[in-house]
Amino acid sequence: MTFAFFALVVVCAGAFAFLNGFRDASTSVALAVRTRALTPTVAVLLAATFNFIGAALSATFALAVSSTWVTLPEGNNGLTILLAGLLSAVAWGIYTWWRGIPSSSTHALVGGLAGAGVASIAVGGNPVTGVDQSLLFQVVLPLVLSPVIAFLGAYLLVWPATWAARHTPPNVVNSRSRRAQAIAAGAVAFGHGLQDGQRTSAVLVLALLAAGLFDDGASLPLWVALLTPGLLAAGTLAGGWRISYTIGYRLTRMDPLRGLVAQLCSSVMLLVGAIGLHWPISTTHTVTAAVLGAGANQSFPDINRGWVLRILTFWVLTPAVTAAVAFVVELSLSPLAGL
């Protein structure tokens, strides 16, 4: 039964990685498509390429993330907790994609693990240790801080960008901004791969540890290092344009210069968070907030407040809903795990 649970966790982790690329990575090129800096086909290929590179490089952080993230019980108990958390995160990701709502895959996963851990305790199983810190540092603080920083950063950067272009003809500014956007879009996709790739690989490492197939101090298995970037890139190529359309067209008016500012702000935050500070920063939250910040700093801002409130509501609901779903799933799996 342990091997069966492990196999199901690997399948669900693969589905989570594919859905992550399908939903989140295309947001890195939404603005470039919106401002016609890139065609949709070229944009998706660019995002998939840099997402794969970023996720492949993030494999070096996966062991560190798995050791400092959460600690699962050994055996079937730990595997069912992972399975419940992944199933709830995947289900919520599909629902938010269908609604066209940009939401964080990481927040959904951490919420799911927390809910499954509580259910494990309720049926007499072992708890998930470290999940309280994960909720604080991977959900609460990023949910509050990263959108605020991205919004303010993009809003403030519009002023020096427009000042530098004040004597340049608008058509030249737009042309140069579109060329720079292609580079910035690749940087955002690379940052997304670094951020989300390491967490998906960490899930697989936790599954190996729970199943007794991995020893502390061992190197990351090659199949783990290749599976995550491959499925993230495959999901990106599939193209989840519902969410990209929301970011590019539904939130605010966007010209090439402000689109460039939003992408530069997002890429800097993702890269600094992944490499410099090792902070889990949501690509979706960062890009969405940066778009709103850059769009708000113009003579006639046109912010769609209805969509903004809808998105904020889903951001708050994400960890709560996935925790509730995972709680129910773990209760249903506990008899099979021998609890």
C-alpha atoms as a PDB file:
ATOM      1  CA  MET A   1       0.000   0.000   0.000  1.00  0.00           C
ATOM      2  CA  THR A   2       2.903   2.374   0.708  1.00  0.00           C
ATOM      3  CA  PHE A   3       4.173   2.098  -2.858  1.00  0.00           C
ATOM      4  CA  ALA A   4       0.668   2.733  -4.214  1.00  0.00           C
ATOM      5  CA  PHE A   5       0.321   5.878  -2.119  1.00  0.00           C
ATOM      6  CA  PHE A   6       3.792   7.004  -3.226  1.00  0.00           C
ATOM      7  CA  ALA A   7       2.891   6.479  -6.883  1.00  0.00           C
ATOM      8  CA  LEU A   8      -0.314   8.495  -6.431  1.00  0.00           C
ATOM      9  CA  VAL A   9       1.652  11.320  -4.805  1.00  0.00           C
ATOM     10  CA  VAL A  10       4.086  11.400  -7.743  1.00  0.00           C
ATOM     11  CA  VAL A  11       1.184  11.521 -10.220  1.00  0.00           C
ATOM     12  CA  CYS A  12      -0.541  14.302  -8.293  1.00  0.00           C
ATOM     13  CA  ALA A  13       2.726  16.238  -7.897  1.00  0.00           C
ATOM     14  CA  GLY A  14       3.161  15.977 -11.665  1.00  0.00           C
ATOM     15  CA  ALA A  15      -0.384  17.253 -12.171  1.00  0.00           C
ATOM     16  CA  PHE A  16       0.317  20.097  -9.729  1.00  0.00           C
ATOM     17  CA  ALA A  17       3.481  21.079 -11.636  1.00  0.00           C
ATOM     18  CA  PHE A  18       1.691  20.922 -15.002  1.00  0.00           C
ATOM     19  CA  LEU A  19      -1.199  23.013 -13.696  1.00  0.00           C
ATOM     20  CA  ASN A  20       1.257  25.435 -12.136  1.00  0.00           C
ATOM     21  CA  GLY A  21       2.841  26.069 -15.518  1.00  0.00           C
ATOM     22  CA  PHE A  22      -0.539  26.086 -17.228  1.00  0.00           C
ATOM     23  CA  ARG A  23      -1.936  28.744 -14.873  1.00  0.00           C
ATOM     24  CA  ASP A  24       0.966  30.797 -13.581  1.00  0.00           C
ATOM     25  CA  ALA A  25       3.806  30.895 -16.086  1.00  0.00           C
ATOM     26  CA  SER A  26       1.707  32.377 -18.870  1.00  0.00           C
ATOM     27  CA  THR A  27       1.126  35.397 -16.612  1.00  0.00           C
ATOM     28  CA  SER A  28       4.763  36.287 -17.181  1.00  0.00           C
ATOM     29  CA  VAL A  29       4.020  37.062 -20.830  1.00  0.00           C
ATOM     30  CA  ALA A  30       0.461  38.393 -20.477  1.00  0.00           C
ATOM     31  CA  LEU A  31       1.588  42.011 -20.671  1.00  0.00           C
ATOM     32  CA  ALA A  32       3.946  41.369 -23.570  1.00  0.00           C
ATOM     33  CA  VAL A  33       1.036  39.912 -25.543  1.00  0.00           C
ATOM     34  CA  ARG A  34      -1.286  42.709 -24.408  1.00  0.00           C
ATOM     35  CA  THR A  35       1.063  45.433 -25.679  1.00  0.00           C
ATOM     36  CA  ARG A  36       1.919  43.426 -28.828  1.00  0.00           C
ATOM     37  CA  ALA A  37       5.560  43.121 -27.857  1.00  0.00           C
ATOM     38  CA  LEU A  38       5.306  39.377 -28.603  1.00  0.00           C
ATOM     39  CA  THR A  39       2.890  37.208 -30.524  1.00  0.00           C
ATOM     40  CA  PRO A  40       1.067  34.601 -28.400  1.00  0.00           C
ATOM     41  CA  THR A  41       3.032  31.726 -29.965  1.00  0.00           C
ATOM     42  CA  VAL A  42       6.439  33.323 -29.428  1.00  0.00           C
ATOM     43  CA  ALA A  43       5.430  34.438 -25.936  1.00  0.00           C
ATOM     44  CA  VAL A  44       4.441  30.916 -24.865  1.00  0.00           C
ATOM     45  CA  LEU A  45       7.647  29.410 -26.287  1.00  0.00           C
ATOM     46  CA  LEU A  46       9.704  32.070 -24.493  1.00  0.00           C
ATOM     47  CA  ALA A  47       7.900  31.480 -21.192  1.00  0.00           C
ATOM     48  CA  ALA A  48       8.232  27.689 -21.475  1.00  0.00           C
ATOM     49  CA  THR A  49      11.957  27.892 -22.223  1.00  0.00           C
ATOM     50  CA  PHE A  50      12.876  30.197 -19.358  1.00  0.00           C
ATOM     51  CA  ASN A  51      10.462  28.485 -17.006  1.00  0.00           C
ATOM     52  CA  PHE A  52      12.228  25.173 -17.716  1.00  0.00           C
ATOM     53  CA  ILE A  53      15.671  26.719 -17.148  1.00  0.00           C
ATOM     54  CA  GLY A  54      14.608  28.353 -13.890  1.00  0.00           C
ATOM     55  CA  ALA A  55      12.940  25.195 -12.578  1.00  0.00           C
ATOM     56  CA  ALA A  56      15.950  23.063 -13.543  1.00  0.00           C
ATOM     57  CA  LEU A  57      18.300  25.376 -11.648  1.00  0.00           C
ATOM     58  CA  SER A  58      15.934  25.439  -8.680  1.00  0.00           C
ATOM     59  CA  ALA A  59      16.526  21.731  -8.143  1.00  0.00           C
ATOM     60  CA  THR A  60      19.681  22.688  -6.243  1.00  0.00           C
ATOM     61  CA  PHE A  61      17.473  24.354  -3.608  1.00  0.00           C
ATOM     62  CA  ALA A  62      14.927  21.539  -3.345  1.00  0.00           C
ATOM     63  CA  LEU A  63      16.725  19.605  -0.591  1.00  0.00           C
ATOM     64  CA  ALA A  64      17.170  22.739   1.515  1.00  0.00           C
ATOM     65  CA  VAL A  65      13.522  23.696   1.035  1.00  0.00           C
ATOM     66  CA  SER A  66      12.287  20.213   1.975  1.00  0.00           C
ATOM     67  CA  SER A  67      14.340  20.197   5.169  1.00  0.00           C
ATOM     68  CA  THR A  68      13.173  23.637   6.346  1.00  0.00           C
ATOM     69  CA  TRP A  69       9.597  23.567   5.021  1.00  0.00           C
ATOM     70  CA  VAL A  70       7.510  20.955   6.867  1.00  0.00           C
ATOM     71  CA  THR A  71       8.191  17.579   8.470  1.00  0.00           C
ATOM     72  CA  LEU A  72       5.794  14.763   7.622  1.00  0.00           C
ATOM     73  CA  PRO A  73       5.140  11.507   9.489  1.00  0.00           C
ATOM     74  CA  GLU A  74       6.761   8.446   8.010  1.00  0.00           C
ATOM     75  CA  GLY A  75       4.880   5.794   6.083  1.00  0.00           C
ATOM     76  CA  ASN A  76       1.327   5.881   4.796  1.00  0.00           C
ATOM     77  CA  ASN A  77       0.303   8.648   7.190  1.00  0.00           C
ATOM     78  CA  GLY A  78       2.741  11.123   5.647  1.00  0.00           C
ATOM     79  CA  LEU A  79       1.951  10.057   2.096  1.00  0.00           C
ATOM     80  CA  THR A  80      -1.797  10.488   2.548  1.00  0.00           C
ATOM     81  CA  ILE A  81      -1.232  13.977   3.981  1.00  0.00           C
ATOM     82  CA  LEU A  82       0.774  14.890   0.894  1.00  0.00           C
ATOM     83  CA  LEU A  83      -1.828  13.314  -1.367  1.00  0.00           C
ATOM     84  CA  ALA A  84      -4.701  15.205   0.276  1.00  0.00           C
ATOM     85  CA  GLY A  85      -2.815  18.504   0.097  1.00  0.00           C
ATOM     86  CA  LEU A  86      -1.943  18.026  -3.572  1.00  0.00           C
ATOM     87  CA  LEU A  87      -5.478  16.975  -4.541  1.00  0.00           C
ATOM     88  CA  SER A  88      -7.001  20.023  -2.875  1.00  0.00           C
ATOM     89  CA  ALA A  89      -4.440  22.368  -4.475  1.00  0.00           C
ATOM     90  CA  VAL A  90      -5.021  20.874  -7.934  1.00  0.00           C
ATOM     91  CA  ALA A  91      -8.812  21.062  -7.580  1.00  0.00           C
ATOM     92  CA  TRP A  92      -8.660  24.703  -6.459  1.00  0.00           C
ATOM     93  CA  GLY A  93      -6.224  25.536  -9.250  1.00  0.00           C
ATOM     94  CA  ILE A  94      -8.571  24.125 -11.874  1.00  0.00           C
ATOM     95  CA  TYR A  95     -11.520  26.024 -10.414  1.00  0.00           C
ATOM     96  CA  THR A  96      -9.691  29.372 -10.271  1.00  0.00           C
ATOM     97  CA  TRP A  97      -8.408  28.861 -13.823  1.00  0.00           C
ATOM     98  CA  TRP A  98     -11.966  28.225 -15.005  1.00  0.00           C
ATOM     99  CA  ARG A  99     -13.055  31.453 -13.282  1.00  0.00           C
ATOM    100  CA  GLY A 100     -10.097  33.333 -14.786  1.00  0.00           C
ATOM    101  CA  ILE A 101      -8.776  34.274 -11.326  1.00  0.00           C
ATOM    102  CA  PRO A 102      -5.003  34.563 -10.770  1.00  0.00           C
ATOM    103  CA  SER A 103      -4.207  32.839  -7.453  1.00  0.00           C
ATOM    104  CA  SER A 104      -1.139  31.343  -5.795  1.00  0.00           C
ATOM    105  CA  SER A 105      -0.399  27.636  -6.226  1.00  0.00           C
ATOM    106  CA  THR A 106       1.980  27.726  -3.259  1.00  0.00           C
ATOM    107  CA  HIS A 107      -0.666  29.172  -0.951  1.00  0.00           C
ATOM    108  CA  ALA A 108      -3.083  26.464  -2.093  1.00  0.00           C
ATOM    109  CA  LEU A 109      -0.549  23.718  -1.377  1.00  0.00           C
ATOM    110  CA  VAL A 110       0.455  25.005   2.066  1.00  0.00           C
ATOM    111  CA  GLY A 111      -3.205  25.434   3.007  1.00  0.00           C
ATOM    112  CA  GLY A 112      -3.893  21.886   1.854  1.00  0.00           C
ATOM    113  CA  LEU A 113      -1.033  20.446   3.914  1.00  0.00           C
ATOM    114  CA  ALA A 114      -2.259  22.339   6.974  1.00  0.00           C
ATOM    115  CA  GLY A 115      -5.798  21.005   6.602  1.00  0.00           C
ATOM    116  CA  ALA A 116      -4.599  17.452   6.002  1.00  0.00           C
ATOM    117  CA  GLY A 117      -2.348  17.679   9.059  1.00  0.00           C
ATOM    118  CA  VAL A 118      -5.266  18.682  11.282  1.00  0.00           C
ATOM    119  CA  ALA A 119      -7.328  15.780   9.913  1.00  0.00           C
ATOM    120  CA  SER A 120      -4.456  13.385  10.657  1.00  0.00           C
ATOM    121  CA  ILE A 121      -4.456  14.483  14.293  1.00  0.00           C
ATOM    122  CA  ALA A 122      -8.254  14.154  14.456  1.00  0.00           C
ATOM    123  CA  VAL A 123      -8.116  10.467  13.513  1.00  0.00           C
ATOM    124  CA  GLY A 124      -5.227   9.657  15.837  1.00  0.00           C
ATOM    125  CA  GLY A 125      -2.387  10.066  13.339  1.00  0.00           C
ATOM    126  CA  ASN A 126       0.783  12.096  13.612  1.00  0.00           C
ATOM    127  CA  PRO A 127       0.878  15.865  13.073  1.00  0.00           C
ATOM    128  CA  VAL A 128       2.677  17.849  10.373  1.00  0.00           C
ATOM    129  CA  THR A 129       5.389  19.797  12.181  1.00  0.00           C
ATOM    130  CA  GLY A 130       6.504  23.167  10.888  1.00  0.00           C
ATOM    131  CA  VAL A 131       3.237  23.887   9.116  1.00  0.00           C
ATOM    132  CA  ASP A 132       2.510  26.847  11.410  1.00  0.00           C
ATOM    133  CA  GLN A 133       5.728  28.546  10.317  1.00  0.00           C
ATOM    134  CA  SER A 134       4.964  27.691   6.687  1.00  0.00           C
ATOM    135  CA  LEU A 135       1.557  29.323   7.003  1.00  0.00           C
ATOM    136  CA  LEU A 136       3.179  32.437   8.459  1.00  0.00           C
ATOM    137  CA  PHE A 137       6.190  32.797   6.153  1.00  0.00           C
ATOM    138  CA  GLN A 138       4.777  31.266   2.953  1.00  0.00           C
ATOM    139  CA  VAL A 139       1.151  32.414   3.096  1.00  0.00           C
ATOM    140  CA  VAL A 140       0.401  35.245   5.530  1.00  0.00           C
ATOM    141  CA  LEU A 141       3.478  37.444   5.083  1.00  0.00           C
ATOM    142  CA  PRO A 142       3.745  37.024   1.264  1.00  0.00           C
ATOM    143  CA  LEU A 143      -0.009  37.553   0.944  1.00  0.00           C
ATOM    144  CA  VAL A 144       0.314  40.886   2.750  1.00  0.00           C
ATOM    145  CA  LEU A 145       3.771  42.126   1.798  1.00  0.00           C
ATOM    146  CA  SER A 146       4.556  41.034  -1.764  1.00  0.00           C
ATOM    147  CA  PRO A 147       1.476  42.584  -3.454  1.00  0.00           C
ATOM    148  CA  VAL A 148       1.986  45.834  -1.534  1.00  0.00           C
ATOM    149  CA  ILE A 149       5.670  46.042  -2.455  1.00  0.00           C
ATOM    150  CA  ALA A 150       4.957  45.145  -6.092  1.00  0.00           C
ATOM    151  CA  PHE A 151       2.145  47.718  -6.348  1.00  0.00           C
ATOM    152  CA  LEU A 152       4.160  50.540  -4.777  1.00  0.00           C
ATOM    153  CA  GLY A 153       7.332  49.632  -6.671  1.00  0.00           C
ATOM    154  CA  ALA A 154       5.621  49.645 -10.061  1.00  0.00           C
ATOM    155  CA  TYR A 155       3.660  52.805  -9.224  1.00  0.00           C
ATOM    156  CA  LEU A 156       6.792  54.712  -8.223  1.00  0.00           C
ATOM    157  CA  LEU A 157       8.921  53.433 -11.120  1.00  0.00           C
ATOM    158  CA  VAL A 158       6.485  54.889 -13.659  1.00  0.00           C
ATOM    159  CA  TRP A 159       7.658  58.409 -12.773  1.00  0.00           C
ATOM    160  CA  PRO A 160      11.382  57.994 -13.621  1.00  0.00           C
ATOM    161  CA  ALA A 161      10.460  55.922 -16.689  1.00  0.00           C
ATOM    162  CA  THR A 162       8.127  58.587 -18.084  1.00  0.00           C
ATOM    163  CA  TRP A 163      10.578  61.356 -17.140  1.00  0.00           C
ATOM    164  CA  ALA A 164      13.391  59.650 -19.046  1.00  0.00           C
ATOM    165  CA  ALA A 165      11.138  59.351 -22.115  1.00  0.00           C
ATOM    166  CA  ARG A 166       9.703  62.869 -21.949  1.00  0.00           C
ATOM    167  CA  HIS A 167      11.567  64.158 -25.059  1.00  0.00           C
ATOM    168  CA  THR A 168      11.224  60.955 -27.090  1.00  0.00           C
ATOM    169  CA  PRO A 169       8.430  60.567 -29.653  1.00  0.00           C
ATOM    170  CA  PRO A 170       5.668  58.211 -28.413  1.00  0.00           C
ATOM    171  CA  ASN A 171       6.130  55.759 -31.282  1.00  0.00           C
ATOM    172  CA  VAL A 172       9.831  55.402 -30.434  1.00  0.00           C
ATOM    173  CA  VAL A 173       9.061  54.922 -26.727  1.00  0.00           C
ATOM    174  CA  ASN A 174       6.524  52.233 -27.537  1.00  0.00           C
ATOM    175  CA  SER A 175       8.891  50.453 -29.919  1.00  0.00           C
ATOM    176  CA  ARG A 176      11.775  50.424 -27.435  1.00  0.00           C
ATOM    177  CA  SER A 177       9.507  49.369 -24.585  1.00  0.00           C
ATOM    178  CA  ARG A 178       8.164  46.442 -26.606  1.00  0.00           C
ATOM    179  CA  ARG A 179      11.693  45.209 -27.375  1.00  0.00           C
ATOM    180  CA  ALA A 180      12.664  45.457 -23.710  1.00  0.00           C
ATOM    181  CA  GLN A 181       9.459  43.693 -22.688  1.00  0.00           C
ATOM    182  CA  ALA A 182      10.572  40.540 -24.471  1.00  0.00           C
ATOM    183  CA  ILE A 183      13.623  40.398 -22.176  1.00  0.00           C
ATOM    184  CA  ALA A 184      11.607  41.278 -19.084  1.00  0.00           C
ATOM    185  CA  ALA A 185       9.014  38.581 -19.875  1.00  0.00           C
ATOM    186  CA  GLY A 186      11.785  35.983 -20.037  1.00  0.00           C
ATOM    187  CA  ALA A 187      13.132  37.217 -16.696  1.00  0.00           C
ATOM    188  CA  VAL A 188       9.693  36.852 -15.044  1.00  0.00           C
ATOM    189  CA  ALA A 189       9.316  33.322 -16.466  1.00  0.00           C
ATOM    190  CA  PHE A 190      12.811  32.466 -15.198  1.00  0.00           C
ATOM    191  CA  GLY A 191      11.924  33.808 -11.745  1.00  0.00           C
ATOM    192  CA  HIS A 192       8.709  31.783 -11.734  1.00  0.00           C
ATOM    193  CA  GLY A 193      10.663  28.619 -12.509  1.00  0.00           C
ATOM    194  CA  LEU A 194      13.091  29.325  -9.669  1.00  0.00           C
ATOM    195  CA  GLN A 195      10.297  30.016  -7.202  1.00  0.00           C
ATOM    196  CA  ASP A 196       7.797  27.264  -7.982  1.00  0.00           C
ATOM    197  CA  GLY A 197      10.153  24.587  -9.267  1.00  0.00           C
ATOM    198  CA  GLN A 198      11.911  24.171  -5.939  1.00  0.00           C
ATOM    199  CA  ARG A 199       8.637  23.685  -4.049  1.00  0.00           C
ATOM    200  CA  THR A 200       7.328  21.014  -6.415  1.00  0.00           C
ATOM    201  CA  SER A 201      10.655  19.168  -6.208  1.00  0.00           C
ATOM    202  CA  ALA A 202      10.521  19.529  -2.405  1.00  0.00           C
ATOM    203  CA  VAL A 203       7.126  17.780  -2.395  1.00  0.00           C
ATOM    204  CA  LEU A 204       8.654  14.817  -4.221  1.00  0.00           C
ATOM    205  CA  VAL A 205      11.574  14.736  -1.768  1.00  0.00           C
ATOM    206  CA  LEU A 206       9.122  14.704   1.146  1.00  0.00           C
ATOM    207  CA  ALA A 207       7.274  11.819  -0.512  1.00  0.00           C
ATOM    208  CA  LEU A 208      10.526   9.873  -0.912  1.00  0.00           C
ATOM    209  CA  LEU A 209      11.371  10.462   2.746  1.00  0.00           C
ATOM    210  CA  ALA A 210       7.917   9.379   3.936  1.00  0.00           C
ATOM    211  CA  ALA A 211       8.091   6.231   1.809  1.00  0.00           C
ATOM    212  CA  GLY A 212      11.565   5.379   3.141  1.00  0.00           C
ATOM    213  CA  LEU A 213      13.125   5.655  -0.329  1.00  0.00           C
ATOM    214  CA  PHE A 214      15.483   8.536   0.401  1.00  0.00           C
ATOM    215  CA  ASP A 215      18.166   9.084   3.041  1.00  0.00           C
ATOM    216  CA  ASP A 216      19.175  12.391   4.593  1.00  0.00           C
ATOM    217  CA  GLY A 217      22.380  13.616   2.993  1.00  0.00           C
ATOM    218  CA  ALA A 218      21.764  11.881  -0.323  1.00  0.00           C
ATOM    219  CA  SER A 219      21.771  13.864  -3.573  1.00  0.00           C
ATOM    220  CA  LEU A 220      18.561  14.771  -5.357  1.00  0.00           C
ATOM    221  CA  PRO A 221      17.449  11.961  -7.706  1.00  0.00           C
ATOM    222  CA  LEU A 222      17.818  12.836 -11.377  1.00  0.00           C
ATOM    223  CA  TRP A 223      14.203  11.998 -12.197  1.00  0.00           C
ATOM    224  CA  VAL A 224      13.010  14.550  -9.611  1.00  0.00           C
ATOM    225  CA  ALA A 225      15.304  17.218 -11.039  1.00  0.00           C
ATOM    226  CA  LEU A 226      13.917  16.602 -14.552  1.00  0.00           C
ATOM    227  CA  LEU A 227      10.258  15.864 -13.832  1.00  0.00           C
ATOM    228  CA  THR A 228       9.387  19.245 -12.326  1.00  0.00           C
ATOM    229  CA  PRO A 229      10.872  21.540 -15.016  1.00  0.00           C
ATOM    230  CA  GLY A 230       9.577  19.250 -17.767  1.00  0.00           C
ATOM    231  CA  LEU A 231       5.990  19.365 -16.534  1.00  0.00           C
ATOM    232  CA  LEU A 232       6.134  23.086 -15.716  1.00  0.00           C
ATOM    233  CA  ALA A 233       7.281  23.781 -19.265  1.00  0.00           C
ATOM    234  CA  ALA A 234       4.667  21.414 -20.715  1.00  0.00           C
ATOM    235  CA  GLY A 235       1.940  23.221 -18.779  1.00  0.00           C
ATOM    236  CA  THR A 236       3.198  26.555 -20.060  1.00  0.00           C
ATOM    237  CA  LEU A 237       3.105  25.303 -23.662  1.00  0.00           C
ATOM    238  CA  ALA A 238      -0.506  24.214 -23.129  1.00  0.00           C
ATOM    239  CA  GLY A 239      -1.298  27.879 -22.515  1.00  0.00           C
ATOM    240  CA  GLY A 240      -3.698  28.849 -19.739  1.00  0.00           C
ATOM    241  CA  TRP A 241      -4.884  32.026 -21.423  1.00  0.00           C
ATOM    242  CA  ARG A 242      -7.938  32.587 -19.218  1.00  0.00           C
ATOM    243  CA  ILE A 243      -5.804  34.015 -16.412  1.00  0.00           C
ATOM    244  CA  SER A 244      -3.459  35.795 -18.832  1.00  0.00           C
ATOM    245  CA  TYR A 245      -6.458  37.519 -20.379  1.00  0.00           C
ATOM    246  CA  THR A 246      -7.573  38.696 -16.937  1.00  0.00           C
ATOM    247  CA  ILE A 247      -4.160  40.198 -16.148  1.00  0.00           C
ATOM    248  CA  GLY A 248      -3.599  41.696 -19.583  1.00  0.00           C
ATOM    249  CA  TYR A 249      -7.039  43.053 -20.427  1.00  0.00           C
ATOM    250  CA  ARG A 250      -9.487  43.085 -17.503  1.00  0.00           C
ATOM    251  CA  LEU A 251      -7.649  44.922 -14.734  1.00  0.00           C
ATOM    252  CA  THR A 252      -6.493  48.232 -16.225  1.00  0.00           C
ATOM    253  CA  ARG A 253      -5.397  50.070 -19.363  1.00  0.00           C
ATOM    254  CA  MET A 254      -1.775  49.320 -20.172  1.00  0.00           C
ATOM    255  CA  ASP A 255       0.701  50.878 -22.619  1.00  0.00           C
ATOM    256  CA  PRO A 256       4.101  49.345 -23.523  1.00  0.00           C
ATOM    257  CA  LEU A 257       6.101  51.583 -21.160  1.00  0.00           C
ATOM    258  CA  ARG A 258       3.968  50.776 -18.114  1.00  0.00           C
ATOM    259  CA  GLY A 259       3.883  47.130 -19.129  1.00  0.00           C
ATOM    260  CA  LEU A 260       7.687  47.141 -19.131  1.00  0.00           C
ATOM    261  CA  VAL A 261       7.786  48.779 -15.696  1.00  0.00           C
ATOM    262  CA  ALA A 262       5.398  46.171 -14.256  1.00  0.00           C
ATOM    263  CA  GLN A 263       7.423  43.280 -15.674  1.00  0.00           C
ATOM    264  CA  LEU A 264      10.761  44.689 -14.504  1.00  0.00           C
ATOM    265  CA  CYS A 265       9.414  45.190 -10.978  1.00  0.00           C
ATOM    266  CA  SER A 266       7.992  41.652 -10.928  1.00  0.00           C
ATOM    267  CA  SER A 267      11.173  40.014 -12.230  1.00  0.00           C
ATOM    268  CA  VAL A 268      13.392  41.809  -9.699  1.00  0.00           C
ATOM    269  CA  MET A 269      11.162  40.743  -6.805  1.00  0.00           C
ATOM    270  CA  LEU A 270      11.026  37.108  -7.959  1.00  0.00           C
ATOM    271  CA  LEU A 271      14.766  36.819  -8.572  1.00  0.00           C
ATOM    272  CA  VAL A 272      15.786  38.552  -5.342  1.00  0.00           C
ATOM    273  CA  GLY A 273      13.262  36.487  -3.394  1.00  0.00           C
ATOM    274  CA  ALA A 274      14.449  33.174  -4.882  1.00  0.00           C
ATOM    275  CA  ILE A 275      18.211  33.740  -5.005  1.00  0.00           C
ATOM    276  CA  GLY A 276      19.030  36.447  -2.492  1.00  0.00           C
ATOM    277  CA  LEU A 277      16.504  36.061   0.316  1.00  0.00           C
ATOM    278  CA  HIS A 278      15.145  32.520  -0.291  1.00  0.00           C
ATOM    279  CA  TRP A 279      11.621  33.837   0.236  1.00  0.00           C
ATOM    280  CA  PRO A 280       8.621  32.142  -1.368  1.00  0.00           C
ATOM    281  CA  ILE A 281       7.066  34.907  -3.481  1.00  0.00           C
ATOM    282  CA  SER A 282       3.965  34.250  -5.552  1.00  0.00           C
ATOM    283  CA  THR A 283       4.440  35.049  -9.242  1.00  0.00           C
ATOM    284  CA  THR A 284       0.710  35.569  -9.647  1.00  0.00           C
ATOM    285  CA  HIS A 285       0.388  37.981  -6.733  1.00  0.00           C
ATOM    286  CA  THR A 286       3.501  39.918  -7.753  1.00  0.00           C
ATOM    287  CA  VAL A 287       2.588  40.325 -11.425  1.00  0.00           C
ATOM    288  CA  THR A 288      -1.045  41.184 -10.683  1.00  0.00           C
ATOM    289  CA  ALA A 289      -0.116  43.838  -8.113  1.00  0.00           C
ATOM    290  CA  ALA A 290       2.592  45.312 -10.359  1.00  0.00           C
ATOM    291  CA  VAL A 291       0.120  45.609 -13.237  1.00  0.00           C
ATOM    292  CA  LEU A 292      -2.306  47.481 -10.986  1.00  0.00           C
ATOM    293  CA  GLY A 293       0.470  49.728  -9.652  1.00  0.00           C
ATOM    294  CA  ALA A 294       1.769  50.700 -13.092  1.00  0.00           C
ATOM    295  CA  GLY A 295      -1.752  51.140 -14.448  1.00  0.00           C
ATOM    296  CA  ALA A 296      -2.806  53.335 -11.533  1.00  0.00           C
ATOM    297  CA  ASN A 297      -0.032  55.879 -12.197  1.00  0.00           C
ATOM    298  CA  GLN A 298      -1.387  57.594 -15.299  1.00  0.00           C
ATOM    299  CA  SER A 299      -3.455  60.664 -16.048  1.00  0.00           C
ATOM    300  CA  PHE A 300      -6.709  58.751 -16.424  1.00  0.00           C
ATOM    301  CA  PRO A 301      -6.377  55.461 -14.519  1.00  0.00           C
ATOM    302  CA  ASP A 302      -9.013  52.915 -15.361  1.00  0.00           C
ATOM    303  CA  ILE A 303      -8.877  50.271 -12.635  1.00  0.00           C
ATOM    304  CA  ASN A 304     -11.590  47.614 -12.804  1.00  0.00           C
ATOM    305  CA  ARG A 305     -12.470  47.632  -9.097  1.00  0.00           C
ATOM    306  CA  GLY A 306     -14.921  44.755  -9.445  1.00  0.00           C
ATOM    307  CA  TRP A 307     -12.247  42.408 -10.731  1.00  0.00           C
ATOM    308  CA  VAL A 308      -9.730  43.642  -8.165  1.00  0.00           C
ATOM    309  CA  LEU A 309     -12.109  42.894  -5.284  1.00  0.00           C
ATOM    310  CA  ARG A 310     -12.917  39.499  -6.777  1.00  0.00           C
ATOM    311  CA  ILE A 311      -9.222  38.606  -7.026  1.00  0.00           C
ATOM    312  CA  LEU A 312      -8.465  39.779  -3.471  1.00  0.00           C
ATOM    313  CA  THR A 313     -11.360  37.677  -2.180  1.00  0.00           C
ATOM    314  CA  PHE A 314      -9.990  34.568  -3.880  1.00  0.00           C
ATOM    315  CA  TRP A 315      -6.501  35.281  -2.515  1.00  0.00           C
ATOM    316  CA  VAL A 316      -7.855  35.262   1.038  1.00  0.00           C
ATOM    317  CA  LEU A 317     -10.034  32.205   0.401  1.00  0.00           C
ATOM    318  CA  THR A 318      -7.284  30.097  -1.202  1.00  0.00           C
ATOM    319  CA  PRO A 319      -5.576  28.706   1.954  1.00  0.00           C
ATOM    320  CA  ALA A 320      -8.880  28.367   3.822  1.00  0.00           C
ATOM    321  CA  VAL A 321     -10.708  26.479   1.065  1.00  0.00           C
ATOM    322  CA  THR A 322      -7.804  24.155   0.256  1.00  0.00           C
ATOM    323  CA  ALA A 323      -7.354  23.408   3.973  1.00  0.00           C
ATOM    324  CA  ALA A 324     -11.028  22.455   4.264  1.00  0.00           C
ATOM    325  CA  VAL A 325     -10.946  20.257   1.158  1.00  0.00           C
ATOM    326  CA  ALA A 326      -7.727  18.538   2.239  1.00  0.00           C
ATOM    327  CA  PHE A 327      -9.213  17.935   5.697  1.00  0.00           C
ATOM    328  CA  VAL A 328     -12.100  15.989   4.141  1.00  0.00           C
ATOM    329  CA  VAL A 329      -9.842  14.092   1.725  1.00  0.00           C
ATOM    330  CA  GLU A 330      -7.452  13.061   4.508  1.00  0.00           C
ATOM    331  CA  LEU A 331     -10.359  11.798   6.612  1.00  0.00           C
ATOM    332  CA  SER A 332     -11.490   9.630   3.698  1.00  0.00           C
ATOM    333  CA  LEU A 333      -7.965   8.303   3.103  1.00  0.00           C
ATOM    334  CA  SER A 334      -7.118   7.593   6.742  1.00  0.00           C
ATOM    335  CA  PRO A 335      -8.780   4.117   6.841  1.00  0.00           C
ATOM    336  CA  LEU A 336      -6.661   3.054   3.865  1.00  0.00           C
ATOM    337  CA  ALA A 337      -3.551   4.310   5.642  1.00  0.00           C
ATOM    338  CA  GLY A 338      -4.341   2.139   8.656  1.00  0.00           C
ATOM    339  CA  LEU A 339      -5.206   5.025  10.998  1.00  0.00           C
END
